[in-house]
Amino acid sequence: MRFVVILLAVGVAAAQNPRTLPLPHDRAVLNRDLSDGAGLARGAPKAGEQIERAEQAWASAARGSDFDRLEQILAADLIYSHSSGLVESKAQYLESLRSGRQKYDSIEFHEMEIRVRGKTAMVAGKVRMTGNTQGEPFDNMLRFLHVWVKAKRGWQLAGHQTARLSN
């Protein structure tokens, strides 16, 4: 529990002012405004590119209900915290998607800041998600924080936290 609170506090501090946290020489930082659809800048860190691709793979699998792919992408000990305050494990999150209680029509990243340190990466940014939860439609602009860990199978999503932004 302490780990999550500390991690979320770090993520909030980074989202409020990314320059307040020291960046050791072994940390790759990739700042992206994705609203214009631009590609990665030349010379971007390889790990940052991998994380950006992992984010897109998660969004595609979640939108397309690709449960086999989600099984690979999501870490076994996933903590998935929705903007509503609901917190789910990997099994609970996958069940909500399989049952149709949670359905994404679109997941569009608008900003993305990626920080990689060794086998851990944090991604903070803005995302617009549309779909329905228990039959109720939603169209939310959100701040998000994702935590990725590098496993034998590649990068896996270990933590998800969103907060609604006012429209």
N, C-alpha and C. Protein backbone atom coordinates (compact mmCIF):
# COMPACT_ATOMS: atom_id res chain seq x y z
N MET A 1 0.82 -1.20 0.00
CA MET A 1 0.00 0.00 0.00
C MET A 1 0.86 1.25 0.00
N ARG A 2 1.95 1.25 0.79
CA ARG A 2 2.84 2.40 0.81
C ARG A 2 3.39 2.70 -0.58
N PHE A 3 3.76 1.64 -1.31
CA PHE A 3 4.33 1.80 -2.65
C PHE A 3 3.39 2.57 -3.56
N VAL A 4 2.11 2.22 -3.53
CA VAL A 4 1.14 2.88 -4.40
C VAL A 4 1.00 4.34 -4.03
N VAL A 5 0.90 4.65 -2.74
CA VAL A 5 0.74 6.02 -2.29
C VAL A 5 1.96 6.85 -2.69
N ILE A 6 3.15 6.32 -2.47
CA ILE A 6 4.36 7.04 -2.83
C ILE A 6 4.41 7.24 -4.34
N LEU A 7 4.12 6.19 -5.08
CA LEU A 7 4.16 6.25 -6.53
C LEU A 7 3.16 7.28 -7.05
N LEU A 8 1.96 7.29 -6.51
CA LEU A 8 0.96 8.25 -6.95
C LEU A 8 1.37 9.66 -6.59
N ALA A 9 1.98 9.85 -5.42
CA ALA A 9 2.45 11.17 -5.03
C ALA A 9 3.53 11.65 -5.98
N VAL A 10 4.44 10.79 -6.36
CA VAL A 10 5.47 11.14 -7.32
C VAL A 10 4.84 11.49 -8.66
N GLY A 11 3.85 10.70 -9.09
CA GLY A 11 3.18 10.96 -10.36
C GLY A 11 2.45 12.29 -10.35
N VAL A 12 1.77 12.61 -9.25
CA VAL A 12 1.07 13.89 -9.15
C VAL A 12 2.07 15.03 -9.20
N ALA A 13 3.18 14.91 -8.46
CA ALA A 13 4.20 15.96 -8.47
C ALA A 13 4.76 16.13 -9.88
N ALA A 14 5.00 15.03 -10.57
CA ALA A 14 5.54 15.10 -11.93
C ALA A 14 4.53 15.74 -12.87
N ALA A 15 3.25 15.43 -12.71
CA ALA A 15 2.23 16.00 -13.59
C ALA A 15 2.09 17.50 -13.35
N GLN A 16 2.23 17.94 -12.07
CA GLN A 16 2.09 19.35 -11.77
C GLN A 16 3.29 20.16 -12.26
N ASN A 17 4.48 19.62 -12.09
CA ASN A 17 5.68 20.32 -12.51
C ASN A 17 6.78 19.30 -12.76
N PRO A 18 6.91 18.81 -13.98
CA PRO A 18 7.86 17.75 -14.26
C PRO A 18 9.30 18.14 -13.96
N ARG A 19 9.60 19.40 -13.85
CA ARG A 19 10.98 19.82 -13.59
C ARG A 19 11.32 19.80 -12.10
N THR A 20 10.36 19.49 -11.22
CA THR A 20 10.64 19.48 -9.80
C THR A 20 11.37 18.22 -9.36
N LEU A 21 11.32 17.17 -10.16
CA LEU A 21 11.98 15.93 -9.80
C LEU A 21 13.33 15.83 -10.50
N PRO A 22 14.38 15.44 -9.76
CA PRO A 22 15.68 15.29 -10.41
C PRO A 22 15.64 14.16 -11.42
N LEU A 23 16.39 14.31 -12.48
CA LEU A 23 16.46 13.29 -13.52
C LEU A 23 17.87 12.73 -13.56
N PRO A 24 18.12 11.59 -12.89
CA PRO A 24 19.45 10.99 -12.93
C PRO A 24 19.85 10.67 -14.36
N HIS A 25 21.15 10.52 -14.57
CA HIS A 25 21.66 10.29 -15.92
C HIS A 25 21.14 9.02 -16.56
N ASP A 26 20.66 8.06 -15.76
CA ASP A 26 20.19 6.80 -16.34
C ASP A 26 18.69 6.79 -16.59
N ARG A 27 18.06 7.92 -16.50
CA ARG A 27 16.62 7.99 -16.73
C ARG A 27 16.36 8.62 -18.08
N ALA A 28 15.57 7.95 -18.88
CA ALA A 28 15.19 8.49 -20.19
C ALA A 28 13.88 9.24 -20.03
N VAL A 29 13.80 10.41 -20.58
CA VAL A 29 12.58 11.21 -20.51
C VAL A 29 12.14 11.54 -21.92
N LEU A 30 10.87 11.30 -22.19
CA LEU A 30 10.31 11.59 -23.50
C LEU A 30 9.02 12.36 -23.28
N ASN A 31 9.01 13.63 -23.66
CA ASN A 31 7.81 14.46 -23.54
C ASN A 31 7.12 14.50 -24.88
N ARG A 32 5.80 14.27 -24.88
CA ARG A 32 5.08 14.23 -26.15
C ARG A 32 3.74 14.93 -26.02
N ASP A 33 3.44 15.77 -26.98
CA ASP A 33 2.09 16.28 -27.17
C ASP A 33 1.56 15.52 -28.37
N LEU A 34 0.57 14.64 -28.14
CA LEU A 34 0.09 13.76 -29.19
C LEU A 34 -1.14 14.28 -29.90
N SER A 35 -1.57 15.49 -29.57
CA SER A 35 -2.80 16.00 -30.16
C SER A 35 -2.68 16.25 -31.66
N ASP A 36 -1.45 16.47 -32.17
CA ASP A 36 -1.30 16.72 -33.59
C ASP A 36 -0.94 15.47 -34.38
N GLY A 37 -0.81 14.32 -33.69
CA GLY A 37 -0.51 13.07 -34.37
C GLY A 37 0.93 12.96 -34.84
N ALA A 38 1.81 13.83 -34.34
CA ALA A 38 3.21 13.81 -34.78
C ALA A 38 3.91 12.55 -34.31
N GLY A 39 4.93 12.14 -35.04
CA GLY A 39 5.72 10.97 -34.69
C GLY A 39 6.77 11.31 -33.64
N LEU A 40 7.50 10.30 -33.20
CA LEU A 40 8.57 10.51 -32.25
C LEU A 40 9.69 11.33 -32.87
N ALA A 41 10.30 12.14 -32.05
CA ALA A 41 11.45 12.91 -32.52
C ALA A 41 12.63 11.97 -32.74
N ARG A 42 13.50 12.36 -33.66
CA ARG A 42 14.70 11.57 -33.90
C ARG A 42 15.52 11.49 -32.63
N GLY A 43 16.16 10.37 -32.43
CA GLY A 43 17.04 10.20 -31.29
C GLY A 43 16.32 9.94 -29.98
N ALA A 44 15.02 9.71 -30.03
CA ALA A 44 14.28 9.42 -28.80
C ALA A 44 14.80 8.13 -28.20
N PRO A 45 14.77 8.02 -26.88
CA PRO A 45 15.29 6.82 -26.23
C PRO A 45 14.56 5.56 -26.68
N LYS A 46 15.29 4.51 -26.89
CA LYS A 46 14.70 3.25 -27.34
C LYS A 46 13.63 2.77 -26.36
N ALA A 47 13.91 2.83 -25.06
CA ALA A 47 12.93 2.38 -24.07
C ALA A 47 11.67 3.24 -24.14
N GLY A 48 11.84 4.54 -24.36
CA GLY A 48 10.68 5.42 -24.48
C GLY A 48 9.80 5.04 -25.66
N GLU A 49 10.44 4.68 -26.77
CA GLU A 49 9.68 4.23 -27.93
C GLU A 49 8.95 2.94 -27.63
N GLN A 50 9.59 2.03 -26.91
CA GLN A 50 8.95 0.77 -26.55
C GLN A 50 7.73 1.02 -25.66
N ILE A 51 7.86 1.94 -24.74
CA ILE A 51 6.75 2.26 -23.84
C ILE A 51 5.60 2.90 -24.62
N GLU A 52 5.93 3.80 -25.52
CA GLU A 52 4.86 4.41 -26.32
C GLU A 52 4.11 3.35 -27.13
N ARG A 53 4.85 2.41 -27.70
CA ARG A 53 4.21 1.31 -28.44
C ARG A 53 3.38 0.45 -27.50
N ALA A 54 3.86 0.23 -26.28
CA ALA A 54 3.11 -0.56 -25.30
C ALA A 54 1.80 0.14 -24.93
N GLU A 55 1.85 1.47 -24.79
CA GLU A 55 0.63 2.24 -24.49
C GLU A 55 -0.39 2.06 -25.62
N GLN A 56 0.07 2.18 -26.85
CA GLN A 56 -0.82 2.03 -28.00
C GLN A 56 -1.37 0.60 -28.08
N ALA A 57 -0.54 -0.39 -27.76
CA ALA A 57 -0.99 -1.79 -27.78
C ALA A 57 -2.06 -2.02 -26.72
N TRP A 58 -1.87 -1.43 -25.52
CA TRP A 58 -2.89 -1.57 -24.46
C TRP A 58 -4.20 -0.94 -24.92
N ALA A 59 -4.11 0.30 -25.47
CA ALA A 59 -5.33 0.99 -25.90
C ALA A 59 -6.05 0.20 -26.98
N SER A 60 -5.31 -0.32 -27.94
CA SER A 60 -5.90 -1.10 -29.03
C SER A 60 -6.56 -2.39 -28.51
N ALA A 61 -5.88 -3.08 -27.61
CA ALA A 61 -6.42 -4.33 -27.06
C ALA A 61 -7.66 -4.05 -26.21
N ALA A 62 -7.63 -2.97 -25.42
CA ALA A 62 -8.78 -2.64 -24.57
C ALA A 62 -9.98 -2.25 -25.43
N ARG A 63 -9.75 -1.44 -26.47
CA ARG A 63 -10.84 -1.04 -27.37
C ARG A 63 -11.41 -2.24 -28.11
N GLY A 64 -10.54 -3.13 -28.54
CA GLY A 64 -10.95 -4.26 -29.38
C GLY A 64 -11.30 -5.52 -28.62
N SER A 65 -11.34 -5.43 -27.29
CA SER A 65 -11.63 -6.60 -26.45
C SER A 65 -10.74 -7.79 -26.84
N ASP A 66 -9.47 -7.53 -27.04
CA ASP A 66 -8.49 -8.56 -27.36
C ASP A 66 -7.93 -9.12 -26.05
N PHE A 67 -8.64 -10.07 -25.48
CA PHE A 67 -8.31 -10.58 -24.15
C PHE A 67 -7.00 -11.35 -24.12
N ASP A 68 -6.66 -12.05 -25.18
CA ASP A 68 -5.38 -12.75 -25.23
C ASP A 68 -4.23 -11.74 -25.15
N ARG A 69 -4.36 -10.66 -25.89
CA ARG A 69 -3.32 -9.62 -25.86
C ARG A 69 -3.29 -8.91 -24.52
N LEU A 70 -4.45 -8.63 -23.95
CA LEU A 70 -4.49 -7.99 -22.62
C LEU A 70 -3.85 -8.88 -21.56
N GLU A 71 -4.06 -10.18 -21.65
CA GLU A 71 -3.42 -11.12 -20.70
C GLU A 71 -1.91 -10.95 -20.71
N GLN A 72 -1.34 -10.70 -21.89
CA GLN A 72 0.11 -10.51 -22.02
C GLN A 72 0.54 -9.13 -21.55
N ILE A 73 -0.25 -8.12 -21.85
CA ILE A 73 0.12 -6.73 -21.56
C ILE A 73 0.01 -6.42 -20.07
N LEU A 74 -1.01 -6.93 -19.41
CA LEU A 74 -1.27 -6.59 -18.01
C LEU A 74 -0.44 -7.46 -17.08
N ALA A 75 0.23 -6.84 -16.11
CA ALA A 75 1.01 -7.56 -15.12
C ALA A 75 0.07 -8.35 -14.19
N ALA A 76 0.56 -9.45 -13.68
CA ALA A 76 -0.25 -10.31 -12.80
C ALA A 76 -0.74 -9.55 -11.58
N ASP A 77 0.06 -8.61 -11.07
CA ASP A 77 -0.30 -7.87 -9.86
C ASP A 77 -0.81 -6.46 -10.18
N LEU A 78 -1.43 -6.30 -11.35
CA LEU A 78 -1.97 -5.02 -11.79
C LEU A 78 -2.86 -4.38 -10.72
N ILE A 79 -2.68 -3.06 -10.56
CA ILE A 79 -3.61 -2.23 -9.77
C ILE A 79 -4.22 -1.26 -10.77
N TYR A 80 -5.52 -1.40 -11.04
CA TYR A 80 -6.21 -0.59 -12.04
C TYR A 80 -7.21 0.29 -11.31
N SER A 81 -6.88 1.56 -11.16
CA SER A 81 -7.71 2.51 -10.43
C SER A 81 -8.40 3.45 -11.41
N HIS A 82 -9.73 3.31 -11.49
CA HIS A 82 -10.54 4.12 -12.40
C HIS A 82 -10.75 5.52 -11.84
N SER A 83 -11.13 6.45 -12.69
CA SER A 83 -11.40 7.82 -12.25
C SER A 83 -12.59 7.89 -11.30
N SER A 84 -13.42 6.86 -11.30
CA SER A 84 -14.57 6.80 -10.38
C SER A 84 -14.16 6.44 -8.96
N GLY A 85 -12.92 5.98 -8.79
CA GLY A 85 -12.45 5.53 -7.48
C GLY A 85 -12.42 4.02 -7.36
N LEU A 86 -13.06 3.32 -8.29
CA LEU A 86 -13.06 1.86 -8.27
C LEU A 86 -11.64 1.35 -8.54
N VAL A 87 -11.18 0.42 -7.73
CA VAL A 87 -9.86 -0.18 -7.90
C VAL A 87 -10.05 -1.67 -8.18
N GLU A 88 -9.41 -2.14 -9.26
CA GLU A 88 -9.57 -3.53 -9.67
C GLU A 88 -8.21 -4.21 -9.82
N SER A 89 -8.22 -5.52 -9.61
CA SER A 89 -7.07 -6.35 -9.92
C SER A 89 -7.10 -6.69 -11.40
N LYS A 90 -6.10 -7.39 -11.87
CA LYS A 90 -6.09 -7.82 -13.27
C LYS A 90 -7.31 -8.68 -13.57
N ALA A 91 -7.59 -9.65 -12.71
CA ALA A 91 -8.73 -10.54 -12.94
C ALA A 91 -10.04 -9.77 -12.94
N GLN A 92 -10.20 -8.83 -12.03
CA GLN A 92 -11.43 -8.04 -11.96
C GLN A 92 -11.59 -7.14 -13.19
N TYR A 93 -10.49 -6.50 -13.61
CA TYR A 93 -10.54 -5.63 -14.77
C TYR A 93 -10.89 -6.42 -16.03
N LEU A 94 -10.24 -7.56 -16.23
CA LEU A 94 -10.53 -8.38 -17.40
C LEU A 94 -11.97 -8.89 -17.37
N GLU A 95 -12.46 -9.26 -16.21
CA GLU A 95 -13.86 -9.73 -16.10
C GLU A 95 -14.83 -8.60 -16.44
N SER A 96 -14.53 -7.37 -16.01
CA SER A 96 -15.43 -6.25 -16.34
C SER A 96 -15.46 -6.01 -17.85
N LEU A 97 -14.35 -6.23 -18.53
CA LEU A 97 -14.32 -6.10 -19.99
C LEU A 97 -15.03 -7.27 -20.66
N ARG A 98 -14.76 -8.49 -20.20
CA ARG A 98 -15.38 -9.68 -20.79
C ARG A 98 -16.91 -9.66 -20.65
N SER A 99 -17.38 -9.21 -19.50
CA SER A 99 -18.82 -9.20 -19.24
C SER A 99 -19.54 -8.06 -19.95
N GLY A 100 -18.77 -7.08 -20.43
CA GLY A 100 -19.38 -5.91 -21.06
C GLY A 100 -19.73 -4.80 -20.09
N ARG A 101 -19.45 -5.00 -18.79
CA ARG A 101 -19.71 -3.92 -17.83
C ARG A 101 -18.86 -2.69 -18.15
N GLN A 102 -17.66 -2.92 -18.67
CA GLN A 102 -16.77 -1.83 -19.09
C GLN A 102 -16.48 -2.03 -20.57
N LYS A 103 -16.73 -1.00 -21.37
CA LYS A 103 -16.50 -1.07 -22.81
C LYS A 103 -15.91 0.25 -23.28
N TYR A 104 -14.78 0.17 -23.96
CA TYR A 104 -14.15 1.36 -24.52
C TYR A 104 -14.45 1.45 -26.00
N ASP A 105 -14.96 2.60 -26.44
CA ASP A 105 -15.13 2.86 -27.87
C ASP A 105 -13.89 3.54 -28.43
N SER A 106 -13.29 4.40 -27.64
CA SER A 106 -12.06 5.07 -28.08
C SER A 106 -11.17 5.36 -26.89
N ILE A 107 -9.88 5.31 -27.13
CA ILE A 107 -8.85 5.71 -26.16
C ILE A 107 -7.84 6.51 -26.98
N GLU A 108 -7.84 7.82 -26.79
CA GLU A 108 -6.99 8.71 -27.58
C GLU A 108 -6.04 9.47 -26.66
N PHE A 109 -4.75 9.23 -26.82
CA PHE A 109 -3.75 9.94 -26.03
C PHE A 109 -3.55 11.33 -26.62
N HIS A 110 -3.50 12.35 -25.74
CA HIS A 110 -3.29 13.73 -26.17
C HIS A 110 -1.95 14.27 -25.72
N GLU A 111 -1.46 13.83 -24.60
CA GLU A 111 -0.14 14.19 -24.10
C GLU A 111 0.44 12.95 -23.45
N MET A 112 1.77 12.86 -23.52
CA MET A 112 2.41 11.71 -22.89
C MET A 112 3.82 12.10 -22.49
N GLU A 113 4.13 11.93 -21.23
CA GLU A 113 5.50 12.11 -20.74
C GLU A 113 5.95 10.76 -20.22
N ILE A 114 7.03 10.27 -20.75
CA ILE A 114 7.52 8.94 -20.40
C ILE A 114 8.85 9.09 -19.67
N ARG A 115 8.93 8.48 -18.51
CA ARG A 115 10.18 8.44 -17.74
C ARG A 115 10.53 6.98 -17.50
N VAL A 116 11.72 6.62 -17.95
CA VAL A 116 12.18 5.24 -17.82
C VAL A 116 13.39 5.22 -16.91
N ARG A 117 13.37 4.30 -15.96
CA ARG A 117 14.52 4.09 -15.09
C ARG A 117 14.69 2.59 -14.93
N GLY A 118 15.67 2.05 -15.61
CA GLY A 118 15.92 0.62 -15.53
C GLY A 118 14.76 -0.17 -16.10
N LYS A 119 14.18 -1.02 -15.27
CA LYS A 119 13.08 -1.89 -15.70
C LYS A 119 11.72 -1.36 -15.29
N THR A 120 11.66 -0.07 -14.98
CA THR A 120 10.39 0.55 -14.59
C THR A 120 10.20 1.82 -15.42
N ALA A 121 8.97 2.07 -15.81
CA ALA A 121 8.65 3.30 -16.55
C ALA A 121 7.36 3.88 -16.02
N MET A 122 7.32 5.21 -15.96
CA MET A 122 6.09 5.92 -15.61
C MET A 122 5.68 6.75 -16.82
N VAL A 123 4.39 6.75 -17.09
CA VAL A 123 3.85 7.56 -18.18
C VAL A 123 2.74 8.41 -17.58
N ALA A 124 2.87 9.72 -17.75
CA ALA A 124 1.84 10.65 -17.29
C ALA A 124 1.38 11.45 -18.49
N GLY A 125 0.11 11.77 -18.52
CA GLY A 125 -0.39 12.56 -19.63
C GLY A 125 -1.88 12.76 -19.59
N LYS A 126 -2.42 13.10 -20.76
CA LYS A 126 -3.86 13.28 -20.93
C LYS A 126 -4.35 12.26 -21.93
N VAL A 127 -5.55 11.75 -21.66
CA VAL A 127 -6.17 10.78 -22.55
C VAL A 127 -7.68 11.04 -22.57
N ARG A 128 -8.28 10.87 -23.72
CA ARG A 128 -9.74 10.94 -23.83
C ARG A 128 -10.24 9.52 -24.03
N MET A 129 -11.16 9.10 -23.17
CA MET A 129 -11.76 7.77 -23.26
C MET A 129 -13.26 7.91 -23.42
N THR A 130 -13.81 7.16 -24.37
CA THR A 130 -15.26 7.10 -24.54
C THR A 130 -15.69 5.64 -24.50
N GLY A 131 -16.92 5.43 -24.13
CA GLY A 131 -17.46 4.08 -24.07
C GLY A 131 -18.65 4.04 -23.14
N ASN A 132 -18.79 2.91 -22.42
CA ASN A 132 -19.86 2.82 -21.42
C ASN A 132 -19.42 1.95 -20.27
N THR A 133 -19.96 2.28 -19.10
CA THR A 133 -19.74 1.52 -17.87
C THR A 133 -21.11 1.12 -17.35
N GLN A 134 -21.34 -0.16 -17.26
CA GLN A 134 -22.63 -0.70 -16.82
C GLN A 134 -23.78 -0.07 -17.60
N GLY A 135 -23.58 0.08 -18.90
CA GLY A 135 -24.62 0.60 -19.77
C GLY A 135 -24.73 2.11 -19.83
N GLU A 136 -23.98 2.81 -19.00
CA GLU A 136 -24.01 4.27 -18.98
C GLU A 136 -22.87 4.81 -19.84
N PRO A 137 -23.18 5.65 -20.84
CA PRO A 137 -22.12 6.18 -21.70
C PRO A 137 -21.21 7.15 -20.95
N PHE A 138 -19.95 7.18 -21.34
CA PHE A 138 -19.02 8.18 -20.81
C PHE A 138 -18.18 8.74 -21.94
N ASP A 139 -17.75 9.97 -21.75
CA ASP A 139 -16.84 10.67 -22.65
C ASP A 139 -15.99 11.54 -21.74
N ASN A 140 -14.84 11.03 -21.35
CA ASN A 140 -14.02 11.68 -20.33
C ASN A 140 -12.66 12.09 -20.86
N MET A 141 -12.27 13.32 -20.52
CA MET A 141 -10.88 13.76 -20.69
C MET A 141 -10.25 13.55 -19.32
N LEU A 142 -9.13 12.83 -19.32
CA LEU A 142 -8.53 12.38 -18.07
C LEU A 142 -7.04 12.69 -18.02
N ARG A 143 -6.52 12.88 -16.82
CA ARG A 143 -5.10 12.79 -16.56
C ARG A 143 -4.87 11.34 -16.22
N PHE A 144 -3.76 10.77 -16.68
CA PHE A 144 -3.49 9.39 -16.34
C PHE A 144 -2.05 9.21 -15.90
N LEU A 145 -1.84 8.18 -15.11
CA LEU A 145 -0.51 7.75 -14.72
C LEU A 145 -0.47 6.24 -14.91
N HIS A 146 0.45 5.78 -15.74
CA HIS A 146 0.66 4.35 -15.94
C HIS A 146 2.04 3.99 -15.44
N VAL A 147 2.15 2.83 -14.83
CA VAL A 147 3.42 2.29 -14.40
C VAL A 147 3.64 1.00 -15.17
N TRP A 148 4.77 0.92 -15.86
CA TRP A 148 5.15 -0.24 -16.65
C TRP A 148 6.38 -0.89 -16.03
N VAL A 149 6.43 -2.21 -16.06
CA VAL A 149 7.59 -2.95 -15.59
C VAL A 149 8.06 -3.88 -16.70
N LYS A 150 9.36 -4.00 -16.83
CA LYS A 150 9.90 -4.87 -17.87
C LYS A 150 10.01 -6.28 -17.33
N ALA A 151 9.32 -7.19 -17.99
CA ALA A 151 9.32 -8.60 -17.61
C ALA A 151 9.96 -9.41 -18.74
N LYS A 152 10.05 -10.70 -18.56
CA LYS A 152 10.62 -11.56 -19.61
C LYS A 152 9.88 -11.41 -20.93
N ARG A 153 8.55 -11.21 -20.86
CA ARG A 153 7.72 -11.09 -22.07
C ARG A 153 7.69 -9.68 -22.62
N GLY A 154 8.41 -8.76 -22.03
CA GLY A 154 8.40 -7.37 -22.46
C GLY A 154 7.76 -6.48 -21.41
N TRP A 155 7.43 -5.27 -21.79
CA TRP A 155 6.84 -4.29 -20.87
C TRP A 155 5.41 -4.68 -20.53
N GLN A 156 5.08 -4.63 -19.23
CA GLN A 156 3.72 -4.94 -18.77
C GLN A 156 3.19 -3.80 -17.92
N LEU A 157 1.90 -3.54 -18.09
CA LEU A 157 1.23 -2.49 -17.33
C LEU A 157 0.96 -3.01 -15.91
N ALA A 158 1.57 -2.36 -14.92
CA ALA A 158 1.43 -2.78 -13.52
C ALA A 158 0.52 -1.84 -12.73
N GLY A 159 0.37 -0.60 -13.20
CA GLY A 159 -0.46 0.36 -12.48
C GLY A 159 -1.14 1.32 -13.43
N HIS A 160 -2.39 1.61 -13.15
CA HIS A 160 -3.20 2.55 -13.94
C HIS A 160 -3.97 3.42 -12.96
N GLN A 161 -3.88 4.73 -13.13
CA GLN A 161 -4.63 5.68 -12.30
C GLN A 161 -5.11 6.80 -13.20
N THR A 162 -6.40 7.13 -13.12
CA THR A 162 -6.92 8.25 -13.89
C THR A 162 -7.67 9.21 -12.98
N ALA A 163 -7.71 10.46 -13.38
CA ALA A 163 -8.48 11.50 -12.71
C ALA A 163 -9.18 12.33 -13.77
N ARG A 164 -10.46 12.59 -13.59
CA ARG A 164 -11.21 13.37 -14.58
C ARG A 164 -10.79 14.82 -14.58
N LEU A 165 -10.73 15.37 -15.77
CA LEU A 165 -10.50 16.80 -15.94
C LEU A 165 -11.84 17.45 -16.24
N SER A 166 -12.01 18.70 -15.85
CA SER A 166 -13.27 19.39 -16.17
C SER A 166 -13.33 19.63 -17.67
N ASN A 167 -14.51 19.51 -18.23
CA ASN A 167 -14.67 19.66 -19.69
C ASN A 167 -14.68 21.10 -20.12
